[in-house]
Amino acid sequence: MIERLQRIATILVRFRLPVFVLAGFSFAIIVLSLLDNPWLDGDSLLMPAILGLCWALMLYSTGELFQNVPGKAAAEDVFRQQAAVRVRRILLWILGILTTISALALLLLSYQLLRIWL
């Protein structure tokens, strides 16, 4: 699983600038909506802006977190190096499971919010 997330992360790193633009644009819309800016009529764009910011943060964190996944420990390595690699891989497995659960929850949240918004 963490190898798949690493492949996804290598693809997401290429799209870092569009993710930052999406996050910045979404954050600007959220701030303008909350400050009752005359440029925006009401808070009709608030839900899509929140979703855009959440997805941008999810994509950025996935890209940064799983970019450098260590390979499996070789048998000829010192015990200390093997233990360090195993601990790091276990932590990345736990974070991978949490990332997958978060992505599924965000997908469900996106469906619910867009259903209400439309």
Protein backbone atom coordinates (compact mmCIF):
# COMPACT_ATOMS: atom_id res chain seq x y z
CA MET A 1 0.00 0.00 0.00
CA ILE A 2 2.72 2.49 0.84
CA GLU A 3 4.40 1.75 -2.49
CA ARG A 4 1.19 2.72 -4.27
CA LEU A 5 0.96 5.86 -2.20
CA GLN A 6 4.57 6.61 -3.12
CA ARG A 7 3.71 6.33 -6.83
CA ILE A 8 0.73 8.64 -6.29
CA ALA A 9 2.97 11.05 -4.37
CA THR A 10 5.52 11.20 -7.18
CA ILE A 11 2.72 12.20 -9.54
CA LEU A 12 1.31 14.74 -7.08
CA VAL A 13 4.69 16.42 -6.65
CA ARG A 14 4.54 17.47 -10.30
CA PHE A 15 1.24 19.25 -9.63
CA ARG A 16 2.42 21.15 -6.57
CA LEU A 17 1.91 24.61 -8.12
CA PRO A 18 -1.71 23.98 -9.23
CA VAL A 19 -2.46 22.56 -5.78
CA PHE A 20 -1.04 25.73 -4.17
CA VAL A 21 -3.09 27.89 -6.55
CA LEU A 22 -6.24 25.92 -5.69
CA ALA A 23 -5.54 26.27 -1.97
CA GLY A 24 -4.85 30.00 -2.24
CA PHE A 25 -7.89 30.66 -4.39
CA SER A 26 -10.12 28.63 -2.08
CA PHE A 27 -8.74 30.34 1.00
CA ALA A 28 -9.30 33.77 -0.58
CA ILE A 29 -12.92 32.87 -1.41
CA ILE A 30 -13.48 31.65 2.16
CA VAL A 31 -12.07 34.87 3.65
CA LEU A 32 -14.03 37.07 1.25
CA SER A 33 -17.23 35.14 1.98
CA LEU A 34 -16.80 35.42 5.73
CA LEU A 35 -16.05 39.14 5.60
CA ASP A 36 -19.22 39.95 3.63
CA ASN A 37 -17.31 41.37 0.72
CA PRO A 38 -19.45 43.21 -1.85
CA TRP A 39 -17.69 41.32 -4.69
CA LEU A 40 -19.39 38.11 -3.62
CA ASP A 41 -23.13 38.05 -3.25
CA GLY A 42 -23.72 36.07 -0.08
CA ASP A 43 -21.91 32.90 0.74
CA SER A 44 -22.91 30.90 -2.31
CA LEU A 45 -19.30 29.92 -3.05
CA LEU A 46 -18.38 29.04 0.52
CA MET A 47 -19.04 25.27 0.30
CA PRO A 48 -17.05 24.71 -2.91
CA ALA A 49 -14.24 26.84 -1.50
CA ILE A 50 -14.11 24.75 1.68
CA LEU A 51 -14.03 21.57 -0.40
CA GLY A 52 -11.33 22.98 -2.66
CA LEU A 53 -9.19 23.88 0.33
CA CYS A 54 -9.71 20.46 1.94
CA TRP A 55 -8.80 18.63 -1.27
CA ALA A 56 -5.76 20.83 -1.84
CA LEU A 57 -4.53 20.12 1.69
CA MET A 58 -5.15 16.39 1.22
CA LEU A 59 -3.28 16.28 -2.08
CA TYR A 60 -0.37 18.33 -0.78
CA SER A 61 0.01 16.32 2.42
CA THR A 62 -0.17 13.01 0.54
CA GLY A 63 2.45 14.20 -1.93
CA GLU A 64 4.83 15.35 0.77
CA LEU A 65 4.29 12.52 3.24
CA PHE A 66 4.79 9.56 0.92
CA GLN A 67 7.42 10.99 -1.37
CA ASN A 68 10.35 9.17 0.30
CA VAL A 69 9.27 5.69 1.34
CA PRO A 70 12.26 3.56 2.39
CA GLY A 71 12.76 0.22 0.67
CA LYS A 72 12.55 -3.02 2.59
CA ALA A 73 15.50 -3.73 4.87
CA ALA A 74 18.17 -5.94 3.36
CA ALA A 75 19.29 -9.03 5.24
CA GLU A 76 22.94 -7.94 5.26
CA ASP A 77 22.20 -4.61 6.98
CA VAL A 78 23.09 -4.03 10.59
CA PHE A 79 20.29 -4.80 13.06
CA ARG A 80 20.00 -1.13 13.97
CA GLN A 81 19.46 -0.13 10.33
CA GLN A 82 16.93 -2.92 9.84
CA ALA A 83 15.01 -1.82 12.92
CA ALA A 84 15.02 1.82 11.81
CA VAL A 85 13.70 0.93 8.36
CA ARG A 86 11.02 -1.34 9.83
CA VAL A 87 9.86 1.29 12.31
CA ARG A 88 9.67 3.94 9.60
CA ARG A 89 7.74 1.61 7.29
CA ILE A 90 5.32 0.69 10.09
CA LEU A 91 4.71 4.37 10.81
CA LEU A 92 4.15 5.02 7.11
CA TRP A 93 1.69 2.10 6.99
CA ILE A 94 -0.27 3.62 9.85
CA LEU A 95 -0.21 7.04 8.19
CA GLY A 96 -1.21 5.41 4.89
CA ILE A 97 -4.24 3.81 6.50
CA LEU A 98 -5.17 7.13 8.12
CA THR A 99 -4.67 8.94 4.80
CA THR A 100 -6.91 6.44 3.00
CA ILE A 101 -9.61 6.78 5.65
CA SER A 102 -9.33 10.58 5.49
CA ALA A 103 -9.62 10.55 1.70
CA LEU A 104 -12.72 8.37 1.88
CA ALA A 105 -14.23 10.63 4.53
CA LEU A 106 -13.42 13.69 2.42
CA LEU A 107 -15.01 12.03 -0.59
CA LEU A 108 -18.17 11.41 1.43
CA LEU A 109 -18.09 14.98 2.76
CA SER A 110 -17.67 16.28 -0.80
CA TYR A 111 -20.69 14.32 -1.95
CA GLN A 112 -22.84 15.55 0.92
CA LEU A 113 -21.79 19.20 0.66
CA LEU A 114 -22.15 19.35 -3.12
CA ARG A 115 -25.54 17.66 -2.87
CA ILE A 116 -26.68 20.34 -0.43
CA TRP A 117 -25.04 23.14 -2.40
CA LEU A 118 -26.64 22.16 -5.71
